[in-house]
Amino acid sequence: MSKQEAFKTFVKAHPELASHVRDKQKTWQEFYEIYDMYGENEEVWRKYQEASRAFQINELAALVKGINMDNVQKYITNAQKAINVIQELSSKSPKPNPPVPKSPRPISKFFGD
C-alpha cells in the first residue's frame, strides 16, 4: 500500500479532520505532510481530534438553543391526534350489509320486459 493510499485510509478512519479543512484551519496538503512525517502517531493527531470534539459540542449546543419548544410541543400534539384518528379508523370493523332478499323472477320476464 502506498503512502497516499495509507493516508486516505487514515482520513476515512478520522473524519473529524475534514472539519478542519472545511473551516480552512488546515489544508489536506498540510495534513498529508504531518502524516508523512509522523505517521499515525496518536500524540500528533490528538489535538485535531480534541478540537473537533469541542467544535461538535458547540454546534450541538447552538442547535439546541435554536429549538422552539412551543413548536415542538405543537408538532407532538398534532402527531398524537393523527395517530389517534388512525387507530380509531383501523379499530372500527365494517358493518356487514343486511342480506338482500332474493325473490324469484317470473319466467315470462326477460330483460326488464
PDB file of N, CA and C in Angstrom:
ATOM      1  N   MET A   1       0.861  -1.174   0.000  1.00  0.00           N
ATOM      2  CA  MET A   1       0.000   0.000   0.000  1.00  0.00           C
ATOM      3  C   MET A   1       0.909   1.240   0.000  1.00  0.00           C
ATOM      4  N   SER A   2       0.594   2.166  -0.896  1.00  0.00           N
ATOM      5  CA  SER A   2       1.407   3.377  -0.977  1.00  0.00           C
ATOM      6  C   SER A   2       1.094   4.313   0.185  1.00  0.00           C
ATOM      7  N   LYS A   3       1.949   5.296   0.353  1.00  0.00           N
ATOM      8  CA  LYS A   3       1.771   6.271   1.440  1.00  0.00           C
ATOM      9  C   LYS A   3       0.471   7.060   1.240  1.00  0.00           C
ATOM     10  N   GLN A   4       0.157   7.397  -0.014  1.00  0.00           N
ATOM     11  CA  GLN A   4      -1.077   8.144  -0.300  1.00  0.00           C
ATOM     12  C   GLN A   4      -2.310   7.312   0.024  1.00  0.00           C
ATOM     13  N   GLU A   5      -2.298   6.045  -0.330  1.00  0.00           N
ATOM     14  CA  GLU A   5      -3.433   5.175  -0.025  1.00  0.00           C
ATOM     15  C   GLU A   5      -3.578   4.994   1.479  1.00  0.00           C
ATOM     16  N   ALA A   6      -2.451   4.898   2.188  1.00  0.00           N
ATOM     17  CA  ALA A   6      -2.492   4.778   3.641  1.00  0.00           C
ATOM     18  C   ALA A   6      -3.065   6.054   4.258  1.00  0.00           C
ATOM     19  N   PHE A   7      -2.712   7.200   3.694  1.00  0.00           N
ATOM     20  CA  PHE A   7      -3.256   8.473   4.194  1.00  0.00           C
ATOM     21  C   PHE A   7      -4.764   8.545   3.956  1.00  0.00           C
ATOM     22  N   LYS A   8      -5.219   8.115   2.798  1.00  0.00           N
ATOM     23  CA  LYS A   8      -6.656   8.111   2.508  1.00  0.00           C
ATOM     24  C   LYS A   8      -7.403   7.210   3.491  1.00  0.00           C
ATOM     25  N   THR A   9      -6.831   6.066   3.784  1.00  0.00           N
ATOM     26  CA  THR A   9      -7.445   5.159   4.751  1.00  0.00           C
ATOM     27  C   THR A   9      -7.482   5.796   6.135  1.00  0.00           C
ATOM     28  N   PHE A  10      -6.399   6.475   6.488  1.00  0.00           N
ATOM     29  CA  PHE A  10      -6.327   7.157   7.790  1.00  0.00           C
ATOM     30  C   PHE A  10      -7.378   8.252   7.891  1.00  0.00           C
ATOM     31  N   VAL A  11      -7.554   9.018   6.829  1.00  0.00           N
ATOM     32  CA  VAL A  11      -8.553  10.103   6.818  1.00  0.00           C
ATOM     33  C   VAL A  11      -9.960   9.534   6.924  1.00  0.00           C
ATOM     34  N   LYS A  12     -10.213   8.422   6.268  1.00  0.00           N
ATOM     35  CA  LYS A  12     -11.537   7.788   6.359  1.00  0.00           C
ATOM     36  C   LYS A  12     -11.809   7.309   7.775  1.00  0.00           C
ATOM     37  N   ALA A  13     -10.768   6.906   8.470  1.00  0.00           N
ATOM     38  CA  ALA A  13     -10.921   6.452   9.853  1.00  0.00           C
ATOM     39  C   ALA A  13     -11.056   7.621  10.823  1.00  0.00           C
ATOM     40  N   HIS A  14     -10.647   8.818  10.402  1.00  0.00           N
ATOM     41  CA  HIS A  14     -10.703  10.012  11.257  1.00  0.00           C
ATOM     42  C   HIS A  14     -11.413  11.152  10.515  1.00  0.00           C
ATOM     43  N   PRO A  15     -12.737  11.060  10.362  1.00  0.00           N
ATOM     44  CA  PRO A  15     -13.481  12.075   9.602  1.00  0.00           C
ATOM     45  C   PRO A  15     -13.462  13.455  10.253  1.00  0.00           C
ATOM     46  N   GLU A  16     -13.066  13.545  11.513  1.00  0.00           N
ATOM     47  CA  GLU A  16     -13.020  14.858  12.166  1.00  0.00           C
ATOM     48  C   GLU A  16     -11.988  15.780  11.525  1.00  0.00           C
ATOM     49  N   LEU A  17     -11.031  15.227  10.793  1.00  0.00           N
ATOM     50  CA  LEU A  17     -10.038  16.063  10.116  1.00  0.00           C
ATOM     51  C   LEU A  17     -10.685  16.910   9.023  1.00  0.00           C
ATOM     52  N   ALA A  18     -11.742  16.414   8.438  1.00  0.00           N
ATOM     53  CA  ALA A  18     -12.422  17.153   7.370  1.00  0.00           C
ATOM     54  C   ALA A  18     -12.996  18.465   7.881  1.00  0.00           C
ATOM     55  N   SER A  19     -13.412  18.513   9.146  1.00  0.00           N
ATOM     56  CA  SER A  19     -13.962  19.763   9.685  1.00  0.00           C
ATOM     57  C   SER A  19     -12.896  20.853   9.738  1.00  0.00           C
ATOM     58  N   HIS A  20     -11.632  20.473   9.982  1.00  0.00           N
ATOM     59  CA  HIS A  20     -10.547  21.460   9.992  1.00  0.00           C
ATOM     60  C   HIS A  20     -10.297  22.006   8.587  1.00  0.00           C
ATOM     61  N   VAL A  21     -10.448  21.144   7.592  1.00  0.00           N
ATOM     62  CA  VAL A  21     -10.264  21.586   6.209  1.00  0.00           C
ATOM     63  C   VAL A  21     -11.424  22.485   5.795  1.00  0.00           C
ATOM     64  N   ARG A  22     -12.656  22.108   6.171  1.00  0.00           N
ATOM     65  CA  ARG A  22     -13.827  22.934   5.841  1.00  0.00           C
ATOM     66  C   ARG A  22     -13.730  24.317   6.466  1.00  0.00           C
ATOM     67  N   ASP A  23     -13.211  24.370   7.701  1.00  0.00           N
ATOM     68  CA  ASP A  23     -13.085  25.650   8.406  1.00  0.00           C
ATOM     69  C   ASP A  23     -11.844  26.419   7.991  1.00  0.00           C
ATOM     70  N   LYS A  24     -11.105  25.873   7.042  1.00  0.00           N
ATOM     71  CA  LYS A  24      -9.895  26.492   6.498  1.00  0.00           C
ATOM     72  C   LYS A  24      -8.823  26.719   7.561  1.00  0.00           C
ATOM     73  N   GLN A  25      -8.792  25.844   8.557  1.00  0.00           N
ATOM     74  CA  GLN A  25      -7.723  25.892   9.547  1.00  0.00           C
ATOM     75  C   GLN A  25      -6.482  25.184   9.016  1.00  0.00           C
ATOM     76  N   LYS A  26      -6.694  24.139   8.244  1.00  0.00           N
ATOM     77  CA  LYS A  26      -5.619  23.351   7.636  1.00  0.00           C
ATOM     78  C   LYS A  26      -6.056  22.951   6.238  1.00  0.00           C
ATOM     79  N   THR A  27      -5.079  22.556   5.434  1.00  0.00           N
ATOM     80  CA  THR A  27      -5.386  22.010   4.108  1.00  0.00           C
ATOM     81  C   THR A  27      -5.067  20.523   4.129  1.00  0.00           C
ATOM     82  N   TRP A  28      -5.588  19.822   3.117  1.00  0.00           N
ATOM     83  CA  TRP A  28      -5.276  18.400   3.030  1.00  0.00           C
ATOM     84  C   TRP A  28      -3.781  18.210   2.818  1.00  0.00           C
ATOM     85  N   GLN A  29      -3.147  19.122   2.120  1.00  0.00           N
ATOM     86  CA  GLN A  29      -1.707  19.023   1.902  1.00  0.00           C
ATOM     87  C   GLN A  29      -0.952  19.106   3.225  1.00  0.00           C
ATOM     88  N   GLU A  30      -1.357  20.021   4.095  1.00  0.00           N
ATOM     89  CA  GLU A  30      -0.702  20.142   5.401  1.00  0.00           C
ATOM     90  C   GLU A  30      -0.900  18.870   6.230  1.00  0.00           C
ATOM     91  N   PHE A  31      -2.120  18.318   6.207  1.00  0.00           N
ATOM     92  CA  PHE A  31      -2.368  17.073   6.927  1.00  0.00           C
ATOM     93  C   PHE A  31      -1.532  15.932   6.343  1.00  0.00           C
ATOM     94  N   TYR A  32      -1.396  15.905   5.026  1.00  0.00           N
ATOM     95  CA  TYR A  32      -0.595  14.854   4.402  1.00  0.00           C
ATOM     96  C   TYR A  32       0.867  14.977   4.822  1.00  0.00           C
ATOM     97  N   GLU A  33       1.364  16.208   4.887  1.00  0.00           N
ATOM     98  CA  GLU A  33       2.759  16.403   5.297  1.00  0.00           C
ATOM     99  C   GLU A  33       2.971  15.957   6.744  1.00  0.00           C
ATOM    100  N   ILE A  34       2.003  16.247   7.613  1.00  0.00           N
ATOM    101  CA  ILE A  34       2.100  15.778   9.006  1.00  0.00           C
ATOM    102  C   ILE A  34       2.084  14.255   9.033  1.00  0.00           C
ATOM    103  N   TYR A  35       1.196  13.660   8.228  1.00  0.00           N
ATOM    104  CA  TYR A  35       1.105  12.203   8.175  1.00  0.00           C
ATOM    105  C   TYR A  35       2.398  11.610   7.633  1.00  0.00           C
ATOM    106  N   ASP A  36       2.988  12.278   6.647  1.00  0.00           N
ATOM    107  CA  ASP A  36       4.224  11.796   6.049  1.00  0.00           C
ATOM    108  C   ASP A  36       5.370  11.809   7.068  1.00  0.00           C
ATOM    109  N   MET A  37       5.375  12.836   7.931  1.00  0.00           N
ATOM    110  CA  MET A  37       6.453  12.958   8.925  1.00  0.00           C
ATOM    111  C   MET A  37       6.246  12.045  10.131  1.00  0.00           C
ATOM    112  N   TYR A  38       5.017  12.022  10.663  1.00  0.00           N
ATOM    113  CA  TYR A  38       4.765  11.346  11.940  1.00  0.00           C
ATOM    114  C   TYR A  38       3.970  10.049  11.821  1.00  0.00           C
ATOM    115  N   GLY A  39       3.370   9.816  10.697  1.00  0.00           N
ATOM    116  CA  GLY A  39       2.559   8.612  10.538  1.00  0.00           C
ATOM    117  C   GLY A  39       1.273   8.730  11.344  1.00  0.00           C
ATOM    118  N   GLU A  40       0.855   7.647  11.949  1.00  0.00           N
ATOM    119  CA  GLU A  40      -0.401   7.623  12.689  1.00  0.00           C
ATOM    120  C   GLU A  40      -0.179   7.787  14.192  1.00  0.00           C
ATOM    121  N   ASN A  41       0.897   8.448  14.570  1.00  0.00           N
ATOM    122  CA  ASN A  41       1.216   8.692  15.976  1.00  0.00           C
ATOM    123  C   ASN A  41       0.071   9.447  16.649  1.00  0.00           C
ATOM    124  N   GLU A  42      -0.517   8.863  17.673  1.00  0.00           N
ATOM    125  CA  GLU A  42      -1.700   9.434  18.317  1.00  0.00           C
ATOM    126  C   GLU A  42      -1.425  10.786  18.969  1.00  0.00           C
ATOM    127  N   GLU A  43      -0.235  10.991  19.468  1.00  0.00           N
ATOM    128  CA  GLU A  43       0.088  12.262  20.135  1.00  0.00           C
ATOM    129  C   GLU A  43      -0.028  13.434  19.162  1.00  0.00           C
ATOM    130  N   VAL A  44       0.392  13.240  17.954  1.00  0.00           N
ATOM    131  CA  VAL A  44       0.359  14.312  16.950  1.00  0.00           C
ATOM    132  C   VAL A  44      -1.078  14.643  16.560  1.00  0.00           C
ATOM    133  N   TRP A  45      -1.899  13.631  16.421  1.00  0.00           N
ATOM    134  CA  TRP A  45      -3.255  13.818  15.909  1.00  0.00           C
ATOM    135  C   TRP A  45      -4.254  14.148  17.006  1.00  0.00           C
ATOM    136  N   ARG A  46      -3.889  13.962  18.245  1.00  0.00           N
ATOM    137  CA  ARG A  46      -4.822  14.165  19.357  1.00  0.00           C
ATOM    138  C   ARG A  46      -5.381  15.588  19.400  1.00  0.00           C
ATOM    139  N   LYS A  47      -4.551  16.601  19.153  1.00  0.00           N
ATOM    140  CA  LYS A  47      -5.036  17.987  19.240  1.00  0.00           C
ATOM    141  C   LYS A  47      -6.111  18.280  18.192  1.00  0.00           C
ATOM    142  N   TYR A  48      -6.003  17.651  17.031  1.00  0.00           N
ATOM    143  CA  TYR A  48      -7.018  17.869  15.992  1.00  0.00           C
ATOM    144  C   TYR A  48      -8.314  17.145  16.341  1.00  0.00           C
ATOM    145  N   GLN A  49      -8.184  15.986  16.929  1.00  0.00           N
ATOM    146  CA  GLN A  49      -9.371  15.225  17.317  1.00  0.00           C
ATOM    147  C   GLN A  49     -10.097  15.896  18.476  1.00  0.00           C
ATOM    148  N   GLU A  50      -9.365  16.404  19.457  1.00  0.00           N
ATOM    149  CA  GLU A  50      -9.995  17.072  20.604  1.00  0.00           C
ATOM    150  C   GLU A  50     -10.642  18.384  20.189  1.00  0.00           C
ATOM    151  N   ALA A  51      -9.981  19.130  19.318  1.00  0.00           N
ATOM    152  CA  ALA A  51     -10.554  20.393  18.834  1.00  0.00           C
ATOM    153  C   ALA A  51     -11.833  20.124  18.058  1.00  0.00           C
ATOM    154  N   SER A  52     -11.846  19.042  17.313  1.00  0.00           N
ATOM    155  CA  SER A  52     -13.037  18.689  16.546  1.00  0.00           C
ATOM    156  C   SER A  52     -14.191  18.316  17.470  1.00  0.00           C
ATOM    157  N   ARG A  53     -13.904  17.585  18.552  1.00  0.00           N
ATOM    158  CA  ARG A  53     -14.958  17.220  19.501  1.00  0.00           C
ATOM    159  C   ARG A  53     -15.541  18.455  20.169  1.00  0.00           C
ATOM    160  N   ALA A  54     -14.684  19.405  20.556  1.00  0.00           N
ATOM    161  CA  ALA A  54     -15.171  20.640  21.179  1.00  0.00           C
ATOM    162  C   ALA A  54     -16.040  21.412  20.200  1.00  0.00           C
ATOM    163  N   PHE A  55     -15.628  21.434  18.934  1.00  0.00           N
ATOM    164  CA  PHE A  55     -16.412  22.124  17.911  1.00  0.00           C
ATOM    165  C   PHE A  55     -17.772  21.456  17.741  1.00  0.00           C
ATOM    166  N   GLN A  56     -17.822  20.134  17.745  1.00  0.00           N
ATOM    167  CA  GLN A  56     -19.081  19.413  17.603  1.00  0.00           C
ATOM    168  C   GLN A  56     -20.004  19.688  18.783  1.00  0.00           C
ATOM    169  N   ILE A  57     -19.457  19.766  19.979  1.00  0.00           N
ATOM    170  CA  ILE A  57     -20.269  20.066  21.163  1.00  0.00           C
ATOM    171  C   ILE A  57     -20.838  21.472  21.058  1.00  0.00           C
ATOM    172  N   ASN A  58     -20.044  22.424  20.582  1.00  0.00           N
ATOM    173  CA  ASN A  58     -20.535  23.801  20.413  1.00  0.00           C
ATOM    174  C   ASN A  58     -21.636  23.858  19.361  1.00  0.00           C
ATOM    175  N   GLU A  59     -21.470  23.111  18.272  1.00  0.00           N
ATOM    176  CA  GLU A  59     -22.519  23.068  17.246  1.00  0.00           C
ATOM    177  C   GLU A  59     -23.814  22.496  17.810  1.00  0.00           C
ATOM    178  N   LEU A  60     -23.699  21.437  18.586  1.00  0.00           N
ATOM    179  CA  LEU A  60     -24.871  20.808  19.189  1.00  0.00           C
ATOM    180  C   LEU A  60     -25.563  21.761  20.155  1.00  0.00           C
ATOM    181  N   ALA A  61     -24.784  22.493  20.946  1.00  0.00           N
ATOM    182  CA  ALA A  61     -25.365  23.454  21.885  1.00  0.00           C
ATOM    183  C   ALA A  61     -26.102  24.559  21.133  1.00  0.00           C
ATOM    184  N   ALA A  62     -25.518  25.039  20.049  1.00  0.00           N
ATOM    185  CA  ALA A  62     -26.172  26.079  19.252  1.00  0.00           C
ATOM    186  C   ALA A  62     -27.464  25.556  18.625  1.00  0.00           C
ATOM    187  N   LEU A  63     -27.448  24.305  18.203  1.00  0.00           N
ATOM    188  CA  LEU A  63     -28.644  23.704  17.621  1.00  0.00           C
ATOM    189  C   LEU A  63     -29.754  23.594  18.656  1.00  0.00           C
ATOM    190  N   VAL A  64     -29.414  23.172  19.855  1.00  0.00           N
ATOM    191  CA  VAL A  64     -30.412  23.026  20.915  1.00  0.00           C
ATOM    192  C   VAL A  64     -30.975  24.388  21.314  1.00  0.00           C
ATOM    193  N   LYS A  65     -30.143  25.412  21.335  1.00  0.00           N
ATOM    194  CA  LYS A  65     -30.621  26.753  21.683  1.00  0.00           C
ATOM    195  C   LYS A  65     -31.626  27.272  20.655  1.00  0.00           C
ATOM    196  N   GLY A  66     -31.467  26.856  19.415  1.00  0.00           N
ATOM    197  CA  GLY A  66     -32.330  27.346  18.349  1.00  0.00           C
ATOM    198  C   GLY A  66     -33.671  26.651  18.263  1.00  0.00           C
ATOM    199  N   ILE A  67     -33.910  25.651  19.085  1.00  0.00           N
ATOM    200  CA  ILE A  67     -35.169  24.903  19.028  1.00  0.00           C
ATOM    201  C   ILE A  67     -36.247  25.649  19.813  1.00  0.00           C
ATOM    202  N   ASN A  68     -37.377  25.850  19.175  1.00  0.00           N
ATOM    203  CA  ASN A  68     -38.520  26.481  19.820  1.00  0.00           C
ATOM    204  C   ASN A  68     -39.384  25.364  20.410  1.00  0.00           C
ATOM    205  N   MET A  69     -39.377  25.250  21.722  1.00  0.00           N
ATOM    206  CA  MET A  69     -40.065  24.139  22.384  1.00  0.00           C
ATOM    207  C   MET A  69     -41.585  24.206  22.200  1.00  0.00           C
ATOM    208  N   ASP A  70     -42.130  25.403  22.038  1.00  0.00           N
ATOM    209  CA  ASP A  70     -43.576  25.516  21.796  1.00  0.00           C
ATOM    210  C   ASP A  70     -43.952  24.837  20.474  1.00  0.00           C
ATOM    211  N   ASN A  71     -43.132  25.075  19.454  1.00  0.00           N
ATOM    212  CA  ASN A  71     -43.400  24.440  18.156  1.00  0.00           C
ATOM    213  C   ASN A  71     -43.252  22.927  18.253  1.00  0.00           C
ATOM    214  N   VAL A  72     -42.267  22.469  18.988  1.00  0.00           N
ATOM    215  CA  VAL A  72     -42.077  21.034  19.153  1.00  0.00           C
ATOM    216  C   VAL A  72     -43.300  20.423  19.831  1.00  0.00           C
ATOM    217  N   GLN A  73     -43.803  21.096  20.860  1.00  0.00           N
ATOM    218  CA  GLN A  73     -44.984  20.590  21.569  1.00  0.00           C
ATOM    219  C   GLN A  73     -46.195  20.549  20.643  1.00  0.00           C
ATOM    220  N   LYS A  74     -46.349  21.574  19.788  1.00  0.00           N
ATOM    221  CA  LYS A  74     -47.472  21.590  18.837  1.00  0.00           C
ATOM    222  C   LYS A  74     -47.374  20.410  17.868  1.00  0.00           C
ATOM    223  N   TYR A  75     -46.162  20.163  17.354  1.00  0.00           N
ATOM    224  CA  TYR A  75     -45.977  19.062  16.408  1.00  0.00           C
ATOM    225  C   TYR A  75     -46.266  17.715  17.068  1.00  0.00           C
ATOM    226  N   ILE A  76     -45.835  17.562  18.303  1.00  0.00           N
ATOM    227  CA  ILE A  76     -46.094  16.303  19.014  1.00  0.00           C
ATOM    228  C   ILE A  76     -47.589  16.115  19.235  1.00  0.00           C
ATOM    229  N   THR A  77     -48.276  17.196  19.624  1.00  0.00           N
ATOM    230  CA  THR A  77     -49.718  17.120  19.845  1.00  0.00           C
ATOM    231  C   THR A  77     -50.439  16.753  18.552  1.00  0.00           C
ATOM    232  N   ASN A  78     -50.060  17.387  17.449  1.00  0.00           N
ATOM    233  CA  ASN A  78     -50.686  17.081  16.157  1.00  0.00           C
ATOM    234  C   ASN A  78     -50.424  15.640  15.749  1.00  0.00           C
ATOM    235  N   ALA A  79     -49.210  15.162  15.990  1.00  0.00           N
ATOM    236  CA  ALA A  79     -48.885  13.776  15.643  1.00  0.00           C
ATOM    237  C   ALA A  79     -49.716  12.811  16.488  1.00  0.00           C
ATOM    238  N   GLN A  80     -49.891  13.119  17.768  1.00  0.00           N
ATOM    239  CA  GLN A  80     -50.694  12.252  18.632  1.00  0.00           C
ATOM    240  C   GLN A  80     -52.143  12.218  18.166  1.00  0.00           C
ATOM    241  N   LYS A  81     -52.680  13.371  17.771  1.00  0.00           N
ATOM    242  CA  LYS A  81     -54.057  13.411  17.268  1.00  0.00           C
ATOM    243  C   LYS A  81     -54.187  12.568  16.003  1.00  0.00           C
ATOM    244  N   ALA A  82     -53.223  12.688  15.105  1.00  0.00           N
ATOM    245  CA  ALA A  82     -53.277  11.919  13.863  1.00  0.00           C
ATOM    246  C   ALA A  82     -53.203  10.423  14.144  1.00  0.00           C
ATOM    247  N   ILE A  83     -52.362  10.043  15.083  1.00  0.00           N
ATOM    248  CA  ILE A  83     -52.248   8.624  15.444  1.00  0.00           C
ATOM    249  C   ILE A  83     -53.560   8.123  16.041  1.00  0.00           C
ATOM    250  N   ASN A  84     -54.190   8.936  16.890  1.00  0.00           N
ATOM    251  CA  ASN A  84     -55.469   8.539  17.486  1.00  0.00           C
ATOM    252  C   ASN A  84     -56.545   8.346  16.423  1.00  0.00           C
ATOM    253  N   VAL A  85     -56.594   9.243  15.443  1.00  0.00           N
ATOM    254  CA  VAL A  85     -57.584   9.124  14.370  1.00  0.00           C
ATOM    255  C   VAL A  85     -57.347   7.848  13.574  1.00  0.00           C
ATOM    256  N   ILE A  86     -56.097   7.571  13.265  1.00  0.00           N
ATOM    257  CA  ILE A  86     -55.774   6.363  12.502  1.00  0.00           C
ATOM    258  C   ILE A  86     -56.139   5.120  13.299  1.00  0.00           C
ATOM    259  N   GLN A  87     -55.876   5.139  14.605  1.00  0.00           N
ATOM    260  CA  GLN A  87     -56.229   3.992  15.436  1.00  0.00           C
ATOM    261  C   GLN A  87     -57.738   3.795  15.486  1.00  0.00           C
ATOM    262  N   GLU A  88     -58.490   4.889  15.588  1.00  0.00           N
ATOM    263  CA  GLU A  88     -59.945   4.778  15.612  1.00  0.00           C
ATOM    264  C   GLU A  88     -60.469   4.205  14.298  1.00  0.00           C
ATOM    265  N   LEU A  89     -59.936   4.690  13.190  1.00  0.00           N
ATOM    266  CA  LEU A  89     -60.399   4.207  11.887  1.00  0.00           C
ATOM    267  C   LEU A  89     -60.043   2.749  11.673  1.00  0.00           C
ATOM    268  N   SER A  90     -58.880   2.349  12.130  1.00  0.00           N
ATOM    269  CA  SER A  90     -58.476   0.959  11.913  1.00  0.00           C
ATOM    270  C   SER A  90     -59.153   0.001  12.881  1.00  0.00           C
ATOM    271  N   SER A  91     -59.593   0.500  14.037  1.00  0.00           N
ATOM    272  CA  SER A  91     -60.231  -0.396  15.007  1.00  0.00           C
ATOM    273  C   SER A  91     -61.704  -0.638  14.683  1.00  0.00           C
ATOM    274  N   LYS A  92     -62.328   0.254  13.955  1.00  0.00           N
ATOM    275  CA  LYS A  92     -63.728   0.062  13.589  1.00  0.00           C
ATOM    276  C   LYS A  92     -63.818  -0.981  12.492  1.00  0.00           C
ATOM    277  N   SER A  93     -64.568  -2.036  12.782  1.00  0.00           N
ATOM    278  CA  SER A  93     -64.754  -3.049  11.748  1.00  0.00           C
ATOM    279  C   SER A  93     -65.955  -2.645  10.895  1.00  0.00           C
ATOM    280  N   PRO A  94     -65.884  -2.890   9.614  1.00  0.00           N
ATOM    281  CA  PRO A  94     -67.007  -2.504   8.752  1.00  0.00           C
ATOM    282  C   PRO A  94     -68.251  -3.315   9.115  1.00  0.00           C
ATOM    283  N   LYS A  95     -69.370  -2.624   9.168  1.00  0.00           N
ATOM    284  CA  LYS A  95     -70.639  -3.294   9.494  1.00  0.00           C
ATOM    285  C   LYS A  95     -71.117  -4.047   8.255  1.00  0.00           C
ATOM    286  N   PRO A  96     -71.489  -5.299   8.437  1.00  0.00           N
ATOM    287  CA  PRO A  96     -71.952  -6.054   7.263  1.00  0.00           C
ATOM    288  C   PRO A  96     -73.295  -5.505   6.772  1.00  0.00           C
ATOM    289  N   ASN A  97     -73.436  -5.467   5.461  1.00  0.00           N
ATOM    290  CA  ASN A  97     -74.705  -5.021   4.874  1.00  0.00           C
ATOM    291  C   ASN A  97     -75.755  -6.103   5.086  1.00  0.00           C
ATOM    292  N   PRO A  98     -77.019  -5.701   5.369  1.00  0.00           N
ATOM    293  CA  PRO A  98     -78.059  -6.715   5.546  1.00  0.00           C
ATOM    294  C   PRO A  98     -78.265  -7.461   4.230  1.00  0.00           C
ATOM    295  N   PRO A  99     -78.533  -8.738   4.322  1.00  0.00           N
ATOM    296  CA  PRO A  99     -78.715  -9.514   3.086  1.00  0.00           C
ATOM    297  C   PRO A  99     -79.956  -9.032   2.335  1.00  0.00           C
ATOM    298  N   VAL A 100     -79.834  -8.951   1.057  1.00  0.00           N
ATOM    299  CA  VAL A 100     -80.945  -8.531   0.204  1.00  0.00           C
ATOM    300  C   VAL A 100     -81.789  -9.767  -0.103  1.00  0.00           C
ATOM    301  N   PRO A 101     -83.095  -9.704   0.231  1.00  0.00           N
ATOM    302  CA  PRO A 101     -83.930 -10.880  -0.050  1.00  0.00           C
ATOM    303  C   PRO A 101     -84.061 -11.069  -1.553  1.00  0.00           C
ATOM    304  N   LYS A 102     -83.876 -12.287  -1.954  1.00  0.00           N
ATOM    305  CA  LYS A 102     -83.974 -12.597  -3.381  1.00  0.00           C
ATOM    306  C   LYS A 102     -85.355 -13.172  -3.654  1.00  0.00           C
ATOM    307  N   SER A 103     -86.029 -12.532  -4.571  1.00  0.00           N
ATOM    308  CA  SER A 103     -87.343 -13.051  -4.967  1.00  0.00           C
ATOM    309  C   SER A 103     -87.184 -13.688  -6.345  1.00  0.00           C
ATOM    310  N   PRO A 104     -87.810 -14.780  -6.539  1.00  0.00           N
ATOM    311  CA  PRO A 104     -87.671 -15.442  -7.846  1.00  0.00           C
ATOM    312  C   PRO A 104     -88.283 -14.584  -8.942  1.00  0.00           C
ATOM    313  N   ARG A 105     -87.618 -14.536 -10.050  1.00  0.00           N
ATOM    314  CA  ARG A 105     -88.126 -13.776 -11.198  1.00  0.00           C
ATOM    315  C   ARG A 105     -89.098 -14.645 -11.985  1.00  0.00           C
ATOM    316  N   PRO A 106     -90.126 -14.003 -12.424  1.00  0.00           N
ATOM    317  CA  PRO A 106     -91.057 -14.802 -13.242  1.00  0.00           C
ATOM    318  C   PRO A 106     -90.382 -15.208 -14.551  1.00  0.00           C
ATOM    319  N   ILE A 107     -90.732 -16.367 -15.030  1.00  0.00           N
ATOM    320  CA  ILE A 107     -90.112 -16.900 -16.243  1.00  0.00           C
ATOM    321  C   ILE A 107     -90.430 -16.049 -17.453  1.00  0.00           C
ATOM    322  N   SER A 108     -91.600 -15.433 -17.492  1.00  0.00           N
ATOM    323  CA  SER A 108     -92.007 -14.680 -18.659  1.00  0.00           C
ATOM    324  C   SER A 108     -91.309 -13.326 -18.782  1.00  0.00           C
ATOM    325  N   LYS A 109     -90.587 -12.904 -17.775  1.00  0.00           N
ATOM    326  CA  LYS A 109     -89.933 -11.608 -17.810  1.00  0.00           C
ATOM    327  C   LYS A 109     -88.509 -11.785 -18.319  1.00  0.00           C
ATOM    328  N   PHE A 110     -88.172 -11.156 -19.414  1.00  0.00           N
ATOM    329  CA  PHE A 110     -86.817 -11.160 -19.956  1.00  0.00           C
ATOM    330  C   PHE A 110     -86.345  -9.725 -20.139  1.00  0.00           C
ATOM    331  N   PHE A 111     -85.185  -9.431 -19.724  1.00  0.00           N
ATOM    332  CA  PHE A 111     -84.566  -8.135 -19.915  1.00  0.00           C
ATOM    333  C   PHE A 111     -85.437  -6.980 -19.503  1.00  0.00           C
ATOM    334  N   GLY A 112     -86.105  -7.079 -18.426  1.00  0.00           N
ATOM    335  CA  GLY A 112     -86.904  -5.999 -17.907  1.00  0.00           C
ATOM    336  C   GLY A 112     -88.201  -5.770 -18.652  1.00  0.00           C
ATOM    337  N   ASP A 113     -88.697  -6.724 -19.444  1.00  0.00           N
ATOM    338  CA  ASP A 113     -89.961  -6.555 -20.198  1.00  0.00           C
ATOM    339  C   ASP A 113     -91.101  -6.386 -19.261  1.00  0.00           C
TER     340      ASP A 113
END
